[in-house]
Amino acid sequence: MRIVTAILFVVLILLQFKLWLGEGGFREVGRLEIRVEEQRQQNDDLLLRNTELRAEVEDLRERLEAVEERARSELGLIKPDEEFYQVVPPPPNENKTGQGKGVNS
């Protein structure tokens, strides 16, 4: 009877080892659940991005103003009857008082 109990106890230990630490055990299932959740989040982010891009494409197809706005911002479109002014900030190393380099006060 003691031998049967000992054998059953060893089998129980081996099954517990496989359940907790072996392939397909709780540890691996936990890691896989984390990876699945990360993939879901990435899929949701990509779905949102695709939706935004799809809306932008539809907007560009249907509205001339959207095409013009895109051309102005990305390509620098200026209509023939418009004037363009470009404001250039001073270089960062120039004196704040407006005096150039080499001028003594």
PDB file of N, CA and C in Angstrom:
ATOM      1  N   MET A   1       0.813  -1.191   0.000  1.00  0.00           N
ATOM      2  CA  MET A   1       0.000   0.000   0.000  1.00  0.00           C
ATOM      3  C   MET A   1       0.862   1.263   0.000  1.00  0.00           C
ATOM      4  N   ARG A   2       1.987   1.198   0.719  1.00  0.00           N
ATOM      5  CA  ARG A   2       2.882   2.356   0.769  1.00  0.00           C
ATOM      6  C   ARG A   2       3.505   2.624  -0.597  1.00  0.00           C
ATOM      7  N   ILE A   3       3.768   1.561  -1.345  1.00  0.00           N
ATOM      8  CA  ILE A   3       4.388   1.729  -2.648  1.00  0.00           C
ATOM      9  C   ILE A   3       3.398   2.418  -3.594  1.00  0.00           C
ATOM     10  N   VAL A   4       2.153   2.034  -3.567  1.00  0.00           N
ATOM     11  CA  VAL A   4       1.133   2.642  -4.425  1.00  0.00           C
ATOM     12  C   VAL A   4       0.972   4.111  -4.063  1.00  0.00           C
ATOM     13  N   THR A   5       0.967   4.430  -2.783  1.00  0.00           N
ATOM     14  CA  THR A   5       0.852   5.817  -2.342  1.00  0.00           C
ATOM     15  C   THR A   5       2.058   6.627  -2.805  1.00  0.00           C
ATOM     16  N   ALA A   6       3.240   6.052  -2.679  1.00  0.00           N
ATOM     17  CA  ALA A   6       4.454   6.746  -3.111  1.00  0.00           C
ATOM     18  C   ALA A   6       4.430   6.972  -4.618  1.00  0.00           C
ATOM     19  N   ILE A   7       3.996   5.992  -5.388  1.00  0.00           N
ATOM     20  CA  ILE A   7       3.940   6.131  -6.841  1.00  0.00           C
ATOM     21  C   ILE A   7       2.914   7.205  -7.222  1.00  0.00           C
ATOM     22  N   LEU A   8       1.760   7.189  -6.601  1.00  0.00           N
ATOM     23  CA  LEU A   8       0.743   8.198  -6.875  1.00  0.00           C
ATOM     24  C   LEU A   8       1.237   9.603  -6.501  1.00  0.00           C
ATOM     25  N   PHE A   9       1.970   9.690  -5.396  1.00  0.00           N
ATOM     26  CA  PHE A   9       2.514  10.989  -4.975  1.00  0.00           C
ATOM     27  C   PHE A   9       3.537  11.488  -5.997  1.00  0.00           C
ATOM     28  N   VAL A  10       4.407  10.627  -6.506  1.00  0.00           N
ATOM     29  CA  VAL A  10       5.394  11.008  -7.520  1.00  0.00           C
ATOM     30  C   VAL A  10       4.685  11.430  -8.812  1.00  0.00           C
ATOM     31  N   VAL A  11       3.662  10.699  -9.209  1.00  0.00           N
ATOM     32  CA  VAL A  11       2.904  11.058 -10.408  1.00  0.00           C
ATOM     33  C   VAL A  11       2.239  12.420 -10.208  1.00  0.00           C
ATOM     34  N   LEU A  12       1.691  12.670  -9.033  1.00  0.00           N
ATOM     35  CA  LEU A  12       1.076  13.953  -8.731  1.00  0.00           C
ATOM     36  C   LEU A  12       2.098  15.082  -8.834  1.00  0.00           C
ATOM     37  N   ILE A  13       3.286  14.883  -8.304  1.00  0.00           N
ATOM     38  CA  ILE A  13       4.346  15.895  -8.373  1.00  0.00           C
ATOM     39  C   ILE A  13       4.734  16.156  -9.825  1.00  0.00           C
ATOM     40  N   LEU A  14       4.909  15.103 -10.623  1.00  0.00           N
ATOM     41  CA  LEU A  14       5.268  15.272 -12.030  1.00  0.00           C
ATOM     42  C   LEU A  14       4.174  16.005 -12.801  1.00  0.00           C
ATOM     43  N   LEU A  15       2.925  15.695 -12.538  1.00  0.00           N
ATOM     44  CA  LEU A  15       1.823  16.387 -13.208  1.00  0.00           C
ATOM     45  C   LEU A  15       1.766  17.859 -12.808  1.00  0.00           C
ATOM     46  N   GLN A  16       1.990  18.137 -11.532  1.00  0.00           N
ATOM     47  CA  GLN A  16       2.013  19.519 -11.072  1.00  0.00           C
ATOM     48  C   GLN A  16       3.171  20.278 -11.722  1.00  0.00           C
ATOM     49  N   PHE A  17       4.322  19.638 -11.837  1.00  0.00           N
ATOM     50  CA  PHE A  17       5.478  20.277 -12.475  1.00  0.00           C
ATOM     51  C   PHE A  17       5.137  20.644 -13.912  1.00  0.00           C
ATOM     52  N   LYS A  18       4.546  19.701 -14.644  1.00  0.00           N
ATOM     53  CA  LYS A  18       4.178  19.971 -16.031  1.00  0.00           C
ATOM     54  C   LYS A  18       3.109  21.062 -16.103  1.00  0.00           C
ATOM     55  N   LEU A  19       2.168  21.039 -15.178  1.00  0.00           N
ATOM     56  CA  LEU A  19       1.087  22.022 -15.178  1.00  0.00           C
ATOM     57  C   LEU A  19       1.630  23.432 -14.939  1.00  0.00           C
ATOM     58  N   TRP A  20       2.544  23.590 -14.019  1.00  0.00           N
ATOM     59  CA  TRP A  20       3.036  24.919 -13.661  1.00  0.00           C
ATOM     60  C   TRP A  20       4.200  25.383 -14.525  1.00  0.00           C
ATOM     61  N   LEU A  21       5.132  24.499 -14.851  1.00  0.00           N
ATOM     62  CA  LEU A  21       6.365  24.920 -15.510  1.00  0.00           C
ATOM     63  C   LEU A  21       6.559  24.351 -16.907  1.00  0.00           C
ATOM     64  N   GLY A  22       5.818  23.356 -17.294  1.00  0.00           N
ATOM     65  CA  GLY A  22       6.040  22.696 -18.575  1.00  0.00           C
ATOM     66  C   GLY A  22       5.424  23.440 -19.738  1.00  0.00           C
ATOM     67  N   GLU A  23       5.592  22.844 -20.916  1.00  0.00           N
ATOM     68  CA  GLU A  23       5.042  23.427 -22.140  1.00  0.00           C
ATOM     69  C   GLU A  23       3.518  23.432 -22.052  1.00  0.00           C
ATOM     70  N   GLY A  24       2.926  24.578 -22.310  1.00  0.00           N
ATOM     71  CA  GLY A  24       1.479  24.714 -22.210  1.00  0.00           C
ATOM     72  C   GLY A  24       0.995  24.905 -20.786  1.00  0.00           C
ATOM     73  N   GLY A  25       1.924  25.141 -19.868  1.00  0.00           N
ATOM     74  CA  GLY A  25       1.554  25.341 -18.472  1.00  0.00           C
ATOM     75  C   GLY A  25       1.077  26.755 -18.193  1.00  0.00           C
ATOM     76  N   PHE A  26       0.808  27.004 -16.915  1.00  0.00           N
ATOM     77  CA  PHE A  26       0.272  28.305 -16.514  1.00  0.00           C
ATOM     78  C   PHE A  26       1.210  29.461 -16.854  1.00  0.00           C
ATOM     79  N   ARG A  27       2.500  29.257 -16.706  1.00  0.00           N
ATOM     80  CA  ARG A  27       3.465  30.330 -16.984  1.00  0.00           C
ATOM     81  C   ARG A  27       3.415  30.727 -18.464  1.00  0.00           C
ATOM     82  N   GLU A  28       3.407  29.726 -19.326  1.00  0.00           N
ATOM     83  CA  GLU A  28       3.358  30.011 -20.760  1.00  0.00           C
ATOM     84  C   GLU A  28       2.021  30.627 -21.158  1.00  0.00           C
ATOM     85  N   VAL A  29       0.950  30.165 -20.559  1.00  0.00           N
ATOM     86  CA  VAL A  29      -0.370  30.729 -20.851  1.00  0.00           C
ATOM     87  C   VAL A  29      -0.402  32.205 -20.435  1.00  0.00           C
ATOM     88  N   GLY A  30       0.189  32.526 -19.304  1.00  0.00           N
ATOM     89  CA  GLY A  30       0.254  33.927 -18.863  1.00  0.00           C
ATOM     90  C   GLY A  30       1.021  34.792 -19.841  1.00  0.00           C
ATOM     91  N   ARG A  31       2.162  34.305 -20.305  1.00  0.00           N
ATOM     92  CA  ARG A  31       2.948  35.061 -21.293  1.00  0.00           C
ATOM     93  C   ARG A  31       2.160  35.259 -22.587  1.00  0.00           C
ATOM     94  N   LEU A  32       1.484  34.208 -23.015  1.00  0.00           N
ATOM     95  CA  LEU A  32       0.703  34.306 -24.252  1.00  0.00           C
ATOM     96  C   LEU A  32      -0.467  35.274 -24.101  1.00  0.00           C
ATOM     97  N   GLU A  33      -1.098  35.311 -22.941  1.00  0.00           N
ATOM     98  CA  GLU A  33      -2.185  36.262 -22.723  1.00  0.00           C
ATOM     99  C   GLU A  33      -1.675  37.701 -22.796  1.00  0.00           C
ATOM    100  N   ILE A  34      -0.500  37.942 -22.259  1.00  0.00           N
ATOM    101  CA  ILE A  34       0.101  39.281 -22.333  1.00  0.00           C
ATOM    102  C   ILE A  34       0.385  39.644 -23.789  1.00  0.00           C
ATOM    103  N   ARG A  35       0.951  38.701 -24.544  1.00  0.00           N
ATOM    104  CA  ARG A  35       1.242  38.967 -25.959  1.00  0.00           C
ATOM    105  C   ARG A  35      -0.036  39.210 -26.761  1.00  0.00           C
ATOM    106  N   VAL A  36      -1.092  38.476 -26.451  1.00  0.00           N
ATOM    107  CA  VAL A  36      -2.366  38.665 -27.145  1.00  0.00           C
ATOM    108  C   VAL A  36      -2.916  40.052 -26.848  1.00  0.00           C
ATOM    109  N   GLU A  37      -2.837  40.492 -25.598  1.00  0.00           N
ATOM    110  CA  GLU A  37      -3.335  41.820 -25.242  1.00  0.00           C
ATOM    111  C   GLU A  37      -2.518  42.917 -25.927  1.00  0.00           C
ATOM    112  N   GLU A  38      -1.198  42.748 -26.004  1.00  0.00           N
ATOM    113  CA  GLU A  38      -0.353  43.711 -26.709  1.00  0.00           C
ATOM    114  C   GLU A  38      -0.726  43.762 -28.196  1.00  0.00           C
ATOM    115  N   GLN A  39      -0.964  42.602 -28.783  1.00  0.00           N
ATOM    116  CA  GLN A  39      -1.337  42.548 -30.200  1.00  0.00           C
ATOM    117  C   GLN A  39      -2.700  43.193 -30.429  1.00  0.00           C
ATOM    118  N   ARG A  40      -3.629  42.978 -29.514  1.00  0.00           N
ATOM    119  CA  ARG A  40      -4.945  43.629 -29.629  1.00  0.00           C
ATOM    120  C   ARG A  40      -4.804  45.141 -29.596  1.00  0.00           C
ATOM    121  N   GLN A  41      -3.962  45.633 -28.677  1.00  0.00           N
ATOM    122  CA  GLN A  41      -3.757  47.081 -28.579  1.00  0.00           C
ATOM    123  C   GLN A  41      -3.143  47.621 -29.864  1.00  0.00           C
ATOM    124  N   GLN A  42      -2.155  46.910 -30.398  1.00  0.00           N
ATOM    125  CA  GLN A  42      -1.537  47.330 -31.650  1.00  0.00           C
ATOM    126  C   GLN A  42      -2.559  47.301 -32.787  1.00  0.00           C
ATOM    127  N   ASN A  43      -3.408  46.284 -32.827  1.00  0.00           N
ATOM    128  CA  ASN A  43      -4.440  46.201 -33.856  1.00  0.00           C
ATOM    129  C   ASN A  43      -5.426  47.362 -33.735  1.00  0.00           C
ATOM    130  N   ASP A  44      -5.802  47.705 -32.510  1.00  0.00           N
ATOM    131  CA  ASP A  44      -6.717  48.829 -32.304  1.00  0.00           C
ATOM    132  C   ASP A  44      -6.085  50.133 -32.782  1.00  0.00           C
ATOM    133  N   ASP A  45      -4.806  50.332 -32.476  1.00  0.00           N
ATOM    134  CA  ASP A  45      -4.103  51.538 -32.924  1.00  0.00           C
ATOM    135  C   ASP A  45      -4.057  51.608 -34.455  1.00  0.00           C
ATOM    136  N   LEU A  46      -3.755  50.482 -35.083  1.00  0.00           N
ATOM    137  CA  LEU A  46      -3.694  50.448 -36.549  1.00  0.00           C
ATOM    138  C   LEU A  46      -5.070  50.625 -37.172  1.00  0.00           C
ATOM    139  N   LEU A  47      -6.103  50.096 -36.537  1.00  0.00           N
ATOM    140  CA  LEU A  47      -7.460  50.280 -37.036  1.00  0.00           C
ATOM    141  C   LEU A  47      -7.854  51.749 -36.985  1.00  0.00           C
ATOM    142  N   LEU A  48      -7.506  52.428 -35.894  1.00  0.00           N
ATOM    143  CA  LEU A  48      -7.790  53.857 -35.783  1.00  0.00           C
ATOM    144  C   LEU A  48      -7.037  54.641 -36.852  1.00  0.00           C
ATOM    145  N   ARG A  49      -5.777  54.297 -37.057  1.00  0.00           N
ATOM    146  CA  ARG A  49      -4.978  54.967 -38.086  1.00  0.00           C
ATOM    147  C   ARG A  49      -5.570  54.740 -39.471  1.00  0.00           C
ATOM    148  N   ASN A  50      -5.990  53.519 -39.755  1.00  0.00           N
ATOM    149  CA  ASN A  50      -6.605  53.219 -41.050  1.00  0.00           C
ATOM    150  C   ASN A  50      -7.896  53.999 -41.245  1.00  0.00           C
ATOM    151  N   THR A  51      -8.672  54.118 -40.192  1.00  0.00           N
ATOM    152  CA  THR A  51      -9.919  54.879 -40.280  1.00  0.00           C
ATOM    153  C   THR A  51      -9.634  56.338 -40.596  1.00  0.00           C
ATOM    154  N   GLU A  52      -8.637  56.911 -39.918  1.00  0.00           N
ATOM    155  CA  GLU A  52      -8.269  58.304 -40.177  1.00  0.00           C
ATOM    156  C   GLU A  52      -7.769  58.494 -41.605  1.00  0.00           C
ATOM    157  N   LEU A  53      -6.940  57.576 -42.081  1.00  0.00           N
ATOM    158  CA  LEU A  53      -6.431  57.672 -43.450  1.00  0.00           C
ATOM    159  C   LEU A  53      -7.549  57.510 -44.476  1.00  0.00           C
ATOM    160  N   ARG A  54      -8.476  56.597 -44.194  1.00  0.00           N
ATOM    161  CA  ARG A  54      -9.602  56.399 -45.101  1.00  0.00           C
ATOM    162  C   ARG A  54     -10.448  57.671 -45.187  1.00  0.00           C
ATOM    163  N   ALA A  55     -10.663  58.319 -44.042  1.00  0.00           N
ATOM    164  CA  ALA A  55     -11.440  59.565 -44.029  1.00  0.00           C
ATOM    165  C   ALA A  55     -10.702  60.662 -44.787  1.00  0.00           C
ATOM    166  N   GLU A  56      -9.390  60.719 -44.643  1.00  0.00           N
ATOM    167  CA  GLU A  56      -8.610  61.732 -45.356  1.00  0.00           C
ATOM    168  C   GLU A  56      -8.648  61.495 -46.864  1.00  0.00           C
ATOM    169  N   VAL A  57      -8.558  60.250 -47.277  1.00  0.00           N
ATOM    170  CA  VAL A  57      -8.632  59.931 -48.710  1.00  0.00           C
ATOM    171  C   VAL A  57      -9.993  60.330 -49.264  1.00  0.00           C
ATOM    172  N   GLU A  58     -11.052  60.004 -48.557  1.00  0.00           N
ATOM    173  CA  GLU A  58     -12.394  60.385 -49.016  1.00  0.00           C
ATOM    174  C   GLU A  58     -12.534  61.900 -49.092  1.00  0.00           C
ATOM    175  N   ASP A  59     -11.976  62.591 -48.115  1.00  0.00           N
ATOM    176  CA  ASP A  59     -12.026  64.054 -48.099  1.00  0.00           C
ATOM    177  C   ASP A  59     -11.294  64.625 -49.310  1.00  0.00           C
ATOM    178  N   LEU A  60     -10.133  64.071 -49.623  1.00  0.00           N
ATOM    179  CA  LEU A  60      -9.365  64.549 -50.771  1.00  0.00           C
ATOM    180  C   LEU A  60     -10.065  64.234 -52.089  1.00  0.00           C
ATOM    181  N   ARG A  61     -10.788  63.123 -52.142  1.00  0.00           N
ATOM    182  CA  ARG A  61     -11.500  62.765 -53.367  1.00  0.00           C
ATOM    183  C   ARG A  61     -12.701  63.666 -53.616  1.00  0.00           C
ATOM    184  N   GLU A  62     -13.353  64.087 -52.550  1.00  0.00           N
ATOM    185  CA  GLU A  62     -14.636  64.776 -52.717  1.00  0.00           C
ATOM    186  C   GLU A  62     -14.557  66.292 -52.589  1.00  0.00           C
ATOM    187  N   ARG A  63     -13.556  66.821 -51.922  1.00  0.00           N
ATOM    188  CA  ARG A  63     -13.522  68.268 -51.678  1.00  0.00           C
ATOM    189  C   ARG A  63     -12.283  68.899 -52.290  1.00  0.00           C
ATOM    190  N   LEU A  64     -12.482  69.873 -53.145  1.00  0.00           N
ATOM    191  CA  LEU A  64     -11.377  70.588 -53.768  1.00  0.00           C
ATOM    192  C   LEU A  64     -10.614  71.417 -52.736  1.00  0.00           C
ATOM    193  N   GLU A  65     -11.329  71.918 -51.722  1.00  0.00           N
ATOM    194  CA  GLU A  65     -10.673  72.716 -50.686  1.00  0.00           C
ATOM    195  C   GLU A  65      -9.637  71.892 -49.922  1.00  0.00           C
ATOM    196  N   ALA A  66      -9.936  70.629 -49.703  1.00  0.00           N
ATOM    197  CA  ALA A  66      -9.001  69.761 -48.992  1.00  0.00           C
ATOM    198  C   ALA A  66      -7.733  69.552 -49.810  1.00  0.00           C
ATOM    199  N   VAL A  67      -7.891  69.403 -51.115  1.00  0.00           N
ATOM    200  CA  VAL A  67      -6.724  69.239 -51.995  1.00  0.00           C
ATOM    201  C   VAL A  67      -5.890  70.517 -51.972  1.00  0.00           C
ATOM    202  N   GLU A  68      -6.564  71.665 -52.039  1.00  0.00           N
ATOM    203  CA  GLU A  68      -5.856  72.940 -52.022  1.00  0.00           C
ATOM    204  C   GLU A  68      -5.133  73.143 -50.686  1.00  0.00           C
ATOM    205  N   GLU A  69      -5.782  72.812 -49.596  1.00  0.00           N
ATOM    206  CA  GLU A  69      -5.152  72.948 -48.280  1.00  0.00           C
ATOM    207  C   GLU A  69      -3.914  72.069 -48.176  1.00  0.00           C
ATOM    208  N   ARG A  70      -4.022  70.860 -48.676  1.00  0.00           N
ATOM    209  CA  ARG A  70      -2.880  69.933 -48.649  1.00  0.00           C
ATOM    210  C   ARG A  70      -1.735  70.468 -49.514  1.00  0.00           C
ATOM    211  N   ALA A  71      -2.059  71.009 -50.687  1.00  0.00           N
ATOM    212  CA  ALA A  71      -1.040  71.550 -51.580  1.00  0.00           C
ATOM    213  C   ALA A  71      -0.369  72.774 -50.954  1.00  0.00           C
ATOM    214  N   ARG A  72      -1.133  73.597 -50.248  1.00  0.00           N
ATOM    215  CA  ARG A  72      -0.551  74.765 -49.585  1.00  0.00           C
ATOM    216  C   ARG A  72       0.403  74.364 -48.467  1.00  0.00           C
ATOM    217  N   SER A  73      -0.019  73.428 -47.646  1.00  0.00           N
ATOM    218  CA  SER A  73       0.796  73.072 -46.483  1.00  0.00           C
ATOM    219  C   SER A  73       2.009  72.215 -46.850  1.00  0.00           C
ATOM    220  N   GLU A  74       1.854  71.301 -47.802  1.00  0.00           N
ATOM    221  CA  GLU A  74       2.946  70.379 -48.098  1.00  0.00           C
ATOM    222  C   GLU A  74       3.783  70.781 -49.306  1.00  0.00           C
ATOM    223  N   LEU A  75       3.189  71.467 -50.258  1.00  0.00           N
ATOM    224  CA  LEU A  75       3.910  71.788 -51.487  1.00  0.00           C
ATOM    225  C   LEU A  75       4.189  73.277 -51.649  1.00  0.00           C
ATOM    226  N   GLY A  76       3.643  74.121 -50.762  1.00  0.00           N
ATOM    227  CA  GLY A  76       3.887  75.556 -50.840  1.00  0.00           C
ATOM    228  C   GLY A  76       3.115  76.243 -51.940  1.00  0.00           C
ATOM    229  N   LEU A  77       1.898  75.802 -52.221  1.00  0.00           N
ATOM    230  CA  LEU A  77       1.074  76.386 -53.272  1.00  0.00           C
ATOM    231  C   LEU A  77       0.779  77.854 -52.967  1.00  0.00           C
ATOM    232  N   ILE A  78       0.974  78.703 -53.968  1.00  0.00           N
ATOM    233  CA  ILE A  78       0.620  80.121 -53.886  1.00  0.00           C
ATOM    234  C   ILE A  78      -0.147  80.440 -55.161  1.00  0.00           C
ATOM    235  N   LYS A  79      -1.340  81.004 -54.994  1.00  0.00           N
ATOM    236  CA  LYS A  79      -2.145  81.356 -56.159  1.00  0.00           C
ATOM    237  C   LYS A  79      -1.557  82.582 -56.845  1.00  0.00           C
ATOM    238  N   PRO A  80      -1.861  82.783 -58.132  1.00  0.00           N
ATOM    239  CA  PRO A  80      -1.277  83.909 -58.880  1.00  0.00           C
ATOM    240  C   PRO A  80      -1.608  85.278 -58.285  1.00  0.00           C
ATOM    241  N   ASP A  81      -2.763  85.469 -57.687  1.00  0.00           N
ATOM    242  CA  ASP A  81      -3.137  86.784 -57.163  1.00  0.00           C
ATOM    243  C   ASP A  81      -2.774  86.957 -55.681  1.00  0.00           C
ATOM    244  N   GLU A  82      -2.003  86.049 -55.110  1.00  0.00           N
ATOM    245  CA  GLU A  82      -1.619  86.124 -53.698  1.00  0.00           C
ATOM    246  C   GLU A  82      -0.178  86.591 -53.568  1.00  0.00           C
ATOM    247  N   GLU A  83       0.120  87.177 -52.409  1.00  0.00           N
ATOM    248  CA  GLU A  83       1.490  87.564 -52.086  1.00  0.00           C
ATOM    249  C   GLU A  83       1.979  86.672 -50.957  1.00  0.00           C
ATOM    250  N   PHE A  84       3.233  86.287 -51.053  1.00  0.00           N
ATOM    251  CA  PHE A  84       3.818  85.390 -50.065  1.00  0.00           C
ATOM    252  C   PHE A  84       4.863  86.153 -49.264  1.00  0.00           C
ATOM    253  N   TYR A  85       4.748  86.110 -47.948  1.00  0.00           N
ATOM    254  CA  TYR A  85       5.721  86.734 -47.051  1.00  0.00           C
ATOM    255  C   TYR A  85       6.340  85.638 -46.200  1.00  0.00           C
ATOM    256  N   GLN A  86       7.653  85.643 -46.152  1.00  0.00           N
ATOM    257  CA  GLN A  86       8.354  84.665 -45.338  1.00  0.00           C
ATOM    258  C   GLN A  86       9.098  85.405 -44.243  1.00  0.00           C
ATOM    259  N   VAL A  87       8.808  85.058 -43.004  1.00  0.00           N
ATOM    260  CA  VAL A  87       9.460  85.681 -41.856  1.00  0.00           C
ATOM    261  C   VAL A  87      10.575  84.739 -41.405  1.00  0.00           C
ATOM    262  N   VAL A  88      11.793  85.256 -41.430  1.00  0.00           N
ATOM    263  CA  VAL A  88      12.947  84.442 -41.064  1.00  0.00           C
ATOM    264  C   VAL A  88      13.417  84.879 -39.682  1.00  0.00           C
ATOM    265  N   PRO A  89      13.432  83.983 -38.706  1.00  0.00           N
ATOM    266  CA  PRO A  89      13.904  84.352 -37.369  1.00  0.00           C
ATOM    267  C   PRO A  89      15.422  84.569 -37.381  1.00  0.00           C
ATOM    268  N   PRO A  90      15.925  85.434 -36.497  1.00  0.00           N
ATOM    269  CA  PRO A  90      17.370  85.662 -36.461  1.00  0.00           C
ATOM    270  C   PRO A  90      18.098  84.410 -35.981  1.00  0.00           C
ATOM    271  N   PRO A  91      19.347  84.250 -36.385  1.00  0.00           N
ATOM    272  CA  PRO A  91      20.112  83.085 -35.921  1.00  0.00           C
ATOM    273  C   PRO A  91      20.257  83.129 -34.402  1.00  0.00           C
ATOM    274  N   PRO A  92      20.356  81.983 -33.747  1.00  0.00           N
ATOM    275  CA  PRO A  92      20.400  81.946 -32.285  1.00  0.00           C
ATOM    276  C   PRO A  92      21.668  82.557 -31.680  1.00  0.00           C
ATOM    277  N   ASN A  93      22.750  82.680 -32.441  1.00  0.00           N
ATOM    278  CA  ASN A  93      23.994  83.201 -31.867  1.00  0.00           C
ATOM    279  C   ASN A  93      24.114  84.715 -31.977  1.00  0.00           C
ATOM    280  N   GLU A  94      23.147  85.403 -32.563  1.00  0.00           N
ATOM    281  CA  GLU A  94      23.203  86.848 -32.722  1.00  0.00           C
ATOM    282  C   GLU A  94      22.807  87.529 -31.414  1.00  0.00           C
ATOM    283  N   ASN A  95      23.381  88.717 -31.152  1.00  0.00           N
ATOM    284  CA  ASN A  95      23.075  89.486 -29.951  1.00  0.00           C
ATOM    285  C   ASN A  95      21.608  89.875 -29.930  1.00  0.00           C
ATOM    286  N   LYS A  96      20.988  89.911 -28.768  1.00  0.00           N
ATOM    287  CA  LYS A  96      19.574  90.261 -28.665  1.00  0.00           C
ATOM    288  C   LYS A  96      19.346  91.757 -28.844  1.00  0.00           C
ATOM    289  N   THR A  97      20.370  92.576 -28.670  1.00  0.00           N
ATOM    290  CA  THR A  97      20.208  94.024 -28.810  1.00  0.00           C
ATOM    291  C   THR A  97      20.266  94.456 -30.264  1.00  0.00           C
ATOM    292  N   GLY A  98      20.559  93.540 -31.171  1.00  0.00           N
ATOM    293  CA  GLY A  98      20.604  93.884 -32.580  1.00  0.00           C
ATOM    294  C   GLY A  98      21.995  94.216 -33.043  1.00  0.00           C
ATOM    295  N   GLN A  99      22.970  94.262 -32.165  1.00  0.00           N
ATOM    296  CA  GLN A  99      24.337  94.560 -32.570  1.00  0.00           C
ATOM    297  C   GLN A  99      24.958  93.264 -33.108  1.00  0.00           C
ATOM    298  N   GLY A 100      25.654  93.398 -34.197  1.00  0.00           N
ATOM    299  CA  GLY A 100      26.290  92.245 -34.817  1.00  0.00           C
ATOM    300  C   GLY A 100      27.586  91.895 -34.118  1.00  0.00           C
ATOM    301  N   LYS A 101      28.219  90.880 -34.589  1.00  0.00           N
ATOM    302  CA  LYS A 101      29.500  90.470 -34.038  1.00  0.00           C
ATOM    303  C   LYS A 101      30.590  91.483 -34.399  1.00  0.00           C
ATOM    304  N   GLY A 102      31.505  91.629 -33.524  1.00  0.00           N
ATOM    305  CA  GLY A 102      32.656  92.480 -33.791  1.00  0.00           C
ATOM    306  C   GLY A 102      32.400  93.961 -33.511  1.00  0.00           C
ATOM    307  N   VAL A 103      31.217  94.328 -33.109  1.00  0.00           N
ATOM    308  CA  VAL A 103      30.910  95.724 -32.807  1.00  0.00           C
ATOM    309  C   VAL A 103      31.095  95.946 -31.308  1.00  0.00           C
ATOM    310  N   ASN A 104      31.969  96.879 -30.965  1.00  0.00           N
ATOM    311  CA  ASN A 104      32.227  97.161 -29.552  1.00  0.00           C
ATOM    312  C   ASN A 104      31.298  98.262 -29.045  1.00  0.00           C
ATOM    313  N   SER A 105      30.837  98.117 -27.868  1.00  0.00           N
ATOM    314  CA  SER A 105      29.931  99.126 -27.285  1.00  0.00           C
ATOM    315  C   SER A 105      30.731 100.144 -26.511  1.00  0.00           C
TER     316      SER A 105
END
